[in-house]
Amino acid sequence: MDQQKFYIVVTIAAAIIAVSFIAQAATFMFIYRAIKRLTGIAASLQAKAEPLIDQAQGTVVTVKTSVEKITAQAKETFEKLTVETRAVAAAVSASSQEISRLARHQAEQISETLDHTNAVLQRQVTELDGLLVRTQHRFEDTTKEVQITVLQPMRELSALLVGLRRILESLFGRHRKPIDQAYQDEELFI
């Protein structure tokens, strides 16, 4: 009968430990999904930023080509008509400055967008790290609580049952020791 109770207690403890492991696995799956979602967001932001960068580079190349063409035409016109060339040169210079200013402005906007994206991602990674640390602490606290509330009383019950069995064996046992040997055993124990 004692053996059967011991097996029941051990089975209950094993079930509690198994439930704890299942809870841990579920939490880790949740964390994995959150990290996967964050990775998707980062990839999406990167995919959105790359075309803007490519567009800015294309604009710079276009501006450079336009400036080179306009400069060549201005030289030809200067040789033919000096008066008209001054007016055209001023217009070309103003256009070039405006195009350059616009290109700089676009590059600054792209840089600001990337900085903001980076800051958002860093904040989310920090929040996820905090979540992982809190989850780990909760698992450790749960494990300690299980050890205190389940395993310690089981040990005490086991010790109590062993003591009770020894008492019953000594009271009802068939092999009683002679009185000399019993006192000698007790002296050794003390």
C-alpha atoms as a PDB file:
ATOM      1  CA  MET A   1       0.000   0.000   0.000  1.00  0.00           C
ATOM      2  CA  ASP A   2       2.864   2.428   0.864  1.00  0.00           C
ATOM      3  CA  GLN A   3       4.563   1.685  -2.426  1.00  0.00           C
ATOM      4  CA  GLN A   4       1.361   2.510  -4.306  1.00  0.00           C
ATOM      5  CA  LYS A   5       0.970   5.877  -2.537  1.00  0.00           C
ATOM      6  CA  PHE A   6       4.575   6.679  -3.332  1.00  0.00           C
ATOM      7  CA  TYR A   7       3.940   5.943  -7.020  1.00  0.00           C
ATOM      8  CA  ILE A   8       0.834   8.156  -6.991  1.00  0.00           C
ATOM      9  CA  VAL A   9       2.773  11.041  -5.443  1.00  0.00           C
ATOM     10  CA  VAL A  10       5.624  10.606  -7.937  1.00  0.00           C
ATOM     11  CA  THR A  11       3.103  10.450 -10.828  1.00  0.00           C
ATOM     12  CA  ILE A  12       1.451  13.684  -9.671  1.00  0.00           C
ATOM     13  CA  ALA A  13       4.848  15.386  -9.417  1.00  0.00           C
ATOM     14  CA  ALA A  14       5.770  14.168 -12.904  1.00  0.00           C
ATOM     15  CA  ALA A  15       2.474  15.510 -14.272  1.00  0.00           C
ATOM     16  CA  ILE A  16       3.069  18.918 -12.694  1.00  0.00           C
ATOM     17  CA  ILE A  17       6.593  19.039 -14.136  1.00  0.00           C
ATOM     18  CA  ALA A  18       5.261  18.019 -17.571  1.00  0.00           C
ATOM     19  CA  VAL A  19       2.640  20.793 -17.448  1.00  0.00           C
ATOM     20  CA  SER A  20       5.406  23.243 -16.518  1.00  0.00           C
ATOM     21  CA  PHE A  21       7.474  22.164 -19.518  1.00  0.00           C
ATOM     22  CA  ILE A  22       4.449  22.486 -21.816  1.00  0.00           C
ATOM     23  CA  ALA A  23       3.851  26.021 -20.515  1.00  0.00           C
ATOM     24  CA  GLN A  24       7.493  26.880 -21.171  1.00  0.00           C
ATOM     25  CA  ALA A  25       7.268  25.488 -24.704  1.00  0.00           C
ATOM     26  CA  ALA A  26       4.120  27.532 -25.386  1.00  0.00           C
ATOM     27  CA  THR A  27       5.828  30.693 -24.160  1.00  0.00           C
ATOM     28  CA  PHE A  28       8.870  30.050 -26.318  1.00  0.00           C
ATOM     29  CA  MET A  29       6.593  29.534 -29.338  1.00  0.00           C
ATOM     30  CA  PHE A  30       4.946  32.891 -28.600  1.00  0.00           C
ATOM     31  CA  ILE A  31       8.356  34.558 -28.366  1.00  0.00           C
ATOM     32  CA  TYR A  32       9.462  32.889 -31.612  1.00  0.00           C
ATOM     33  CA  ARG A  33       6.355  34.207 -33.412  1.00  0.00           C
ATOM     34  CA  ALA A  34       6.947  37.715 -32.060  1.00  0.00           C
ATOM     35  CA  ILE A  35      10.558  37.682 -33.262  1.00  0.00           C
ATOM     36  CA  LYS A  36       9.420  36.357 -36.640  1.00  0.00           C
ATOM     37  CA  ARG A  37       6.873  39.188 -36.883  1.00  0.00           C
ATOM     38  CA  LEU A  38       9.524  41.794 -36.013  1.00  0.00           C
ATOM     39  CA  THR A  39      11.851  40.337 -38.642  1.00  0.00           C
ATOM     40  CA  GLY A  40       9.053  40.652 -41.210  1.00  0.00           C
ATOM     41  CA  ILE A  41       8.480  44.280 -40.244  1.00  0.00           C
ATOM     42  CA  ALA A  42      12.194  45.025 -40.575  1.00  0.00           C
ATOM     43  CA  ALA A  43      12.308  43.362 -44.004  1.00  0.00           C
ATOM     44  CA  SER A  44       9.242  45.337 -45.100  1.00  0.00           C
ATOM     45  CA  LEU A  45      10.799  48.615 -43.989  1.00  0.00           C
ATOM     46  CA  GLN A  46      14.028  47.748 -45.746  1.00  0.00           C
ATOM     47  CA  ALA A  47      12.114  46.884 -48.923  1.00  0.00           C
ATOM     48  CA  LYS A  48      10.354  50.274 -48.764  1.00  0.00           C
ATOM     49  CA  ALA A  49      13.583  52.197 -48.161  1.00  0.00           C
ATOM     50  CA  GLU A  50      15.610  50.596 -50.965  1.00  0.00           C
ATOM     51  CA  PRO A  51      13.434  51.956 -53.827  1.00  0.00           C
ATOM     52  CA  LEU A  52      13.668  55.454 -52.320  1.00  0.00           C
ATOM     53  CA  ILE A  53      17.450  55.216 -52.232  1.00  0.00           C
ATOM     54  CA  ASP A  54      17.525  53.908 -55.802  1.00  0.00           C
ATOM     55  CA  GLN A  55      15.221  56.745 -56.867  1.00  0.00           C
ATOM     56  CA  ALA A  56      17.498  59.317 -55.217  1.00  0.00           C
ATOM     57  CA  GLN A  57      20.539  57.849 -56.958  1.00  0.00           C
ATOM     58  CA  GLY A  58      18.688  57.899 -60.282  1.00  0.00           C
ATOM     59  CA  THR A  59      17.740  61.524 -59.691  1.00  0.00           C
ATOM     60  CA  VAL A  60      21.347  62.446 -58.962  1.00  0.00           C
ATOM     61  CA  VAL A  61      22.502  60.729 -62.174  1.00  0.00           C
ATOM     62  CA  THR A  62      19.744  62.481 -64.135  1.00  0.00           C
ATOM     63  CA  VAL A  63      20.668  65.822 -62.604  1.00  0.00           C
ATOM     64  CA  LYS A  64      24.318  65.256 -63.429  1.00  0.00           C
ATOM     65  CA  THR A  65      23.486  64.367 -67.033  1.00  0.00           C
ATOM     66  CA  SER A  66      21.189  67.392 -67.338  1.00  0.00           C
ATOM     67  CA  VAL A  67      23.830  69.717 -65.948  1.00  0.00           C
ATOM     68  CA  GLU A  68      26.416  68.373 -68.367  1.00  0.00           C
ATOM     69  CA  LYS A  69      24.064  68.860 -71.347  1.00  0.00           C
ATOM     70  CA  ILE A  70      23.082  72.344 -70.268  1.00  0.00           C
ATOM     71  CA  THR A  71      26.720  73.318 -69.786  1.00  0.00           C
ATOM     72  CA  ALA A  72      27.612  72.131 -73.298  1.00  0.00           C
ATOM     73  CA  GLN A  73      24.695  74.071 -74.815  1.00  0.00           C
ATOM     74  CA  ALA A  74      25.612  77.170 -72.831  1.00  0.00           C
ATOM     75  CA  LYS A  75      29.143  77.149 -74.228  1.00  0.00           C
ATOM     76  CA  GLU A  76      27.875  76.931 -77.796  1.00  0.00           C
ATOM     77  CA  THR A  77      25.406  79.698 -77.262  1.00  0.00           C
ATOM     78  CA  PHE A  78      28.032  81.895 -75.586  1.00  0.00           C
ATOM     79  CA  GLU A  79      30.207  81.689 -78.638  1.00  0.00           C
ATOM     80  CA  LYS A  80      27.311  82.734 -80.910  1.00  0.00           C
ATOM     81  CA  LEU A  81      25.484  85.316 -78.851  1.00  0.00           C
ATOM     82  CA  THR A  82      27.189  86.863 -75.839  1.00  0.00           C
ATOM     83  CA  VAL A  83      24.204  88.790 -74.586  1.00  0.00           C
ATOM     84  CA  GLU A  84      21.785  85.887 -74.781  1.00  0.00           C
ATOM     85  CA  THR A  85      24.344  83.577 -73.231  1.00  0.00           C
ATOM     86  CA  ARG A  86      24.469  85.585 -70.024  1.00  0.00           C
ATOM     87  CA  ALA A  87      20.709  85.264 -69.551  1.00  0.00           C
ATOM     88  CA  VAL A  88      20.752  81.540 -70.378  1.00  0.00           C
ATOM     89  CA  ALA A  89      23.744  80.928 -68.093  1.00  0.00           C
ATOM     90  CA  ALA A  90      21.945  82.617 -65.201  1.00  0.00           C
ATOM     91  CA  ALA A  91      18.844  80.485 -65.803  1.00  0.00           C
ATOM     92  CA  VAL A  92      20.924  77.303 -66.028  1.00  0.00           C
ATOM     93  CA  SER A  93      22.768  78.178 -62.832  1.00  0.00           C
ATOM     94  CA  ALA A  94      19.509  78.796 -60.962  1.00  0.00           C
ATOM     95  CA  SER A  95      18.046  75.546 -62.285  1.00  0.00           C
ATOM     96  CA  SER A  96      21.147  73.614 -61.305  1.00  0.00           C
ATOM     97  CA  GLN A  97      21.067  75.043 -57.800  1.00  0.00           C
ATOM     98  CA  GLU A  98      17.377  74.227 -57.446  1.00  0.00           C
ATOM     99  CA  ILE A  99      17.901  70.685 -58.704  1.00  0.00           C
ATOM    100  CA  SER A 100      20.858  70.252 -56.373  1.00  0.00           C
ATOM    101  CA  ARG A 101      18.835  71.603 -53.444  1.00  0.00           C
ATOM    102  CA  LEU A 102      15.964  69.243 -54.263  1.00  0.00           C
ATOM    103  CA  ALA A 103      18.342  66.274 -54.508  1.00  0.00           C
ATOM    104  CA  ARG A 104      19.890  67.166 -51.136  1.00  0.00           C
ATOM    105  CA  HIS A 105      16.439  67.563 -49.621  1.00  0.00           C
ATOM    106  CA  GLN A 106      15.354  64.124 -50.856  1.00  0.00           C
ATOM    107  CA  ALA A 107      18.550  62.529 -49.544  1.00  0.00           C
ATOM    108  CA  GLU A 108      17.961  64.142 -46.126  1.00  0.00           C
ATOM    109  CA  GLN A 109      14.364  62.871 -46.044  1.00  0.00           C
ATOM    110  CA  ILE A 110      15.542  59.338 -46.853  1.00  0.00           C
ATOM    111  CA  SER A 111      18.187  59.567 -44.145  1.00  0.00           C
ATOM    112  CA  GLU A 112      15.596  60.749 -41.593  1.00  0.00           C
ATOM    113  CA  THR A 113      13.255  57.908 -42.576  1.00  0.00           C
ATOM    114  CA  LEU A 114      16.024  55.345 -42.115  1.00  0.00           C
ATOM    115  CA  ASP A 115      17.031  56.855 -38.747  1.00  0.00           C
ATOM    116  CA  HIS A 116      13.408  56.731 -37.546  1.00  0.00           C
ATOM    117  CA  THR A 117      13.039  53.123 -38.746  1.00  0.00           C
ATOM    118  CA  ASN A 118      16.238  52.147 -36.956  1.00  0.00           C
ATOM    119  CA  ALA A 119      15.077  53.804 -33.714  1.00  0.00           C
ATOM    120  CA  VAL A 120      11.704  52.031 -33.870  1.00  0.00           C
ATOM    121  CA  LEU A 121      13.358  48.659 -34.460  1.00  0.00           C
ATOM    122  CA  GLN A 122      15.805  49.198 -31.591  1.00  0.00           C
ATOM    123  CA  ARG A 123      12.951  50.104 -29.242  1.00  0.00           C
ATOM    124  CA  GLN A 124      10.981  47.010 -30.248  1.00  0.00           C
ATOM    125  CA  VAL A 125      14.008  44.741 -29.798  1.00  0.00           C
ATOM    126  CA  THR A 126      14.582  46.268 -26.344  1.00  0.00           C
ATOM    127  CA  GLU A 127      10.937  45.655 -25.404  1.00  0.00           C
ATOM    128  CA  LEU A 128      11.167  42.064 -26.663  1.00  0.00           C
ATOM    129  CA  ASP A 129      14.349  41.526 -24.642  1.00  0.00           C
ATOM    130  CA  GLY A 130      12.570  42.796 -21.517  1.00  0.00           C
ATOM    131  CA  LEU A 131       9.689  40.412 -22.228  1.00  0.00           C
ATOM    132  CA  LEU A 132      12.100  37.495 -22.525  1.00  0.00           C
ATOM    133  CA  VAL A 133      13.820  38.385 -19.242  1.00  0.00           C
ATOM    134  CA  ARG A 134      10.475  38.724 -17.405  1.00  0.00           C
ATOM    135  CA  THR A 135       9.316  35.381 -18.814  1.00  0.00           C
ATOM    136  CA  GLN A 136      12.513  33.685 -17.722  1.00  0.00           C
ATOM    137  CA  HIS A 137      12.141  35.068 -14.199  1.00  0.00           C
ATOM    138  CA  ARG A 138       8.535  33.856 -14.033  1.00  0.00           C
ATOM    139  CA  PHE A 139       9.596  30.351 -15.065  1.00  0.00           C
ATOM    140  CA  GLU A 140      12.313  30.325 -12.419  1.00  0.00           C
ATOM    141  CA  ASP A 141       9.857  31.560  -9.770  1.00  0.00           C
ATOM    142  CA  THR A 142       7.313  28.897 -10.803  1.00  0.00           C
ATOM    143  CA  THR A 143       9.956  26.175 -10.605  1.00  0.00           C
ATOM    144  CA  LYS A 144      11.016  27.322  -7.136  1.00  0.00           C
ATOM    145  CA  GLU A 145       7.395  27.459  -5.997  1.00  0.00           C
ATOM    146  CA  VAL A 146       6.777  23.900  -7.270  1.00  0.00           C
ATOM    147  CA  GLN A 147       9.841  22.698  -5.399  1.00  0.00           C
ATOM    148  CA  ILE A 148       8.738  24.403  -2.197  1.00  0.00           C
ATOM    149  CA  THR A 149       5.026  23.488  -2.307  1.00  0.00           C
ATOM    150  CA  VAL A 150       5.203  20.003  -3.829  1.00  0.00           C
ATOM    151  CA  LEU A 151       8.603  18.397  -3.497  1.00  0.00           C
ATOM    152  CA  GLN A 152       9.425  19.486   0.075  1.00  0.00           C
ATOM    153  CA  PRO A 153       6.115  18.148   1.515  1.00  0.00           C
ATOM    154  CA  MET A 154       6.687  14.913  -0.447  1.00  0.00           C
ATOM    155  CA  ARG A 155      10.114  14.510   1.133  1.00  0.00           C
ATOM    156  CA  GLU A 156       8.680  15.150   4.571  1.00  0.00           C
ATOM    157  CA  LEU A 157       5.844  12.671   3.946  1.00  0.00           C
ATOM    158  CA  SER A 158       8.339  10.092   2.711  1.00  0.00           C
ATOM    159  CA  ALA A 159      10.495  10.565   5.819  1.00  0.00           C
ATOM    160  CA  LEU A 160       7.400  10.282   8.004  1.00  0.00           C
ATOM    161  CA  LEU A 161       6.319   7.065   6.271  1.00  0.00           C
ATOM    162  CA  VAL A 162       9.813   5.582   6.626  1.00  0.00           C
ATOM    163  CA  GLY A 163       9.783   6.453  10.331  1.00  0.00           C
ATOM    164  CA  LEU A 164       6.297   4.946  10.756  1.00  0.00           C
ATOM    165  CA  ARG A 165       7.370   1.777   8.968  1.00  0.00           C
ATOM    166  CA  ARG A 166      10.414   1.480  11.257  1.00  0.00           C
ATOM    167  CA  ILE A 167       8.191   1.911  14.301  1.00  0.00           C
ATOM    168  CA  LEU A 168       5.778  -0.751  13.073  1.00  0.00           C
ATOM    169  CA  GLU A 169       8.656  -3.104  12.237  1.00  0.00           C
ATOM    170  CA  SER A 170      10.194  -2.651  15.630  1.00  0.00           C
ATOM    171  CA  LEU A 171       6.839  -3.115  17.433  1.00  0.00           C
ATOM    172  CA  PHE A 172       5.472  -6.014  15.424  1.00  0.00           C
ATOM    173  CA  GLY A 173       8.622  -7.407  13.914  1.00  0.00           C
ATOM    174  CA  ARG A 174       9.323 -11.097  14.361  1.00  0.00           C
ATOM    175  CA  HIS A 175      13.049 -10.737  14.675  1.00  0.00           C
ATOM    176  CA  ARG A 176      13.425  -8.860  17.868  1.00  0.00           C
ATOM    177  CA  LYS A 177      16.975  -8.244  18.954  1.00  0.00           C
ATOM    178  CA  PRO A 178      18.226  -9.354  22.304  1.00  0.00           C
ATOM    179  CA  ILE A 179      18.295  -6.551  24.828  1.00  0.00           C
ATOM    180  CA  ASP A 180      22.130  -6.375  24.863  1.00  0.00           C
ATOM    181  CA  GLN A 181      22.327  -5.951  21.111  1.00  0.00           C
ATOM    182  CA  ALA A 182      19.480  -3.373  21.067  1.00  0.00           C
ATOM    183  CA  TYR A 183      21.268  -1.186  23.654  1.00  0.00           C
ATOM    184  CA  GLN A 184      24.538  -1.555  21.788  1.00  0.00           C
ATOM    185  CA  ASP A 185      22.852  -0.372  18.527  1.00  0.00           C
ATOM    186  CA  GLU A 186      21.350   2.621  20.338  1.00  0.00           C
ATOM    187  CA  GLU A 187      24.715   3.539  21.833  1.00  0.00           C
ATOM    188  CA  LEU A 188      26.257   3.486  18.368  1.00  0.00           C
ATOM    189  CA  PHE A 189      23.470   5.686  17.079  1.00  0.00           C
ATOM    190  CA  ILE A 190      23.981   8.309  19.760  1.00  0.00           C
END
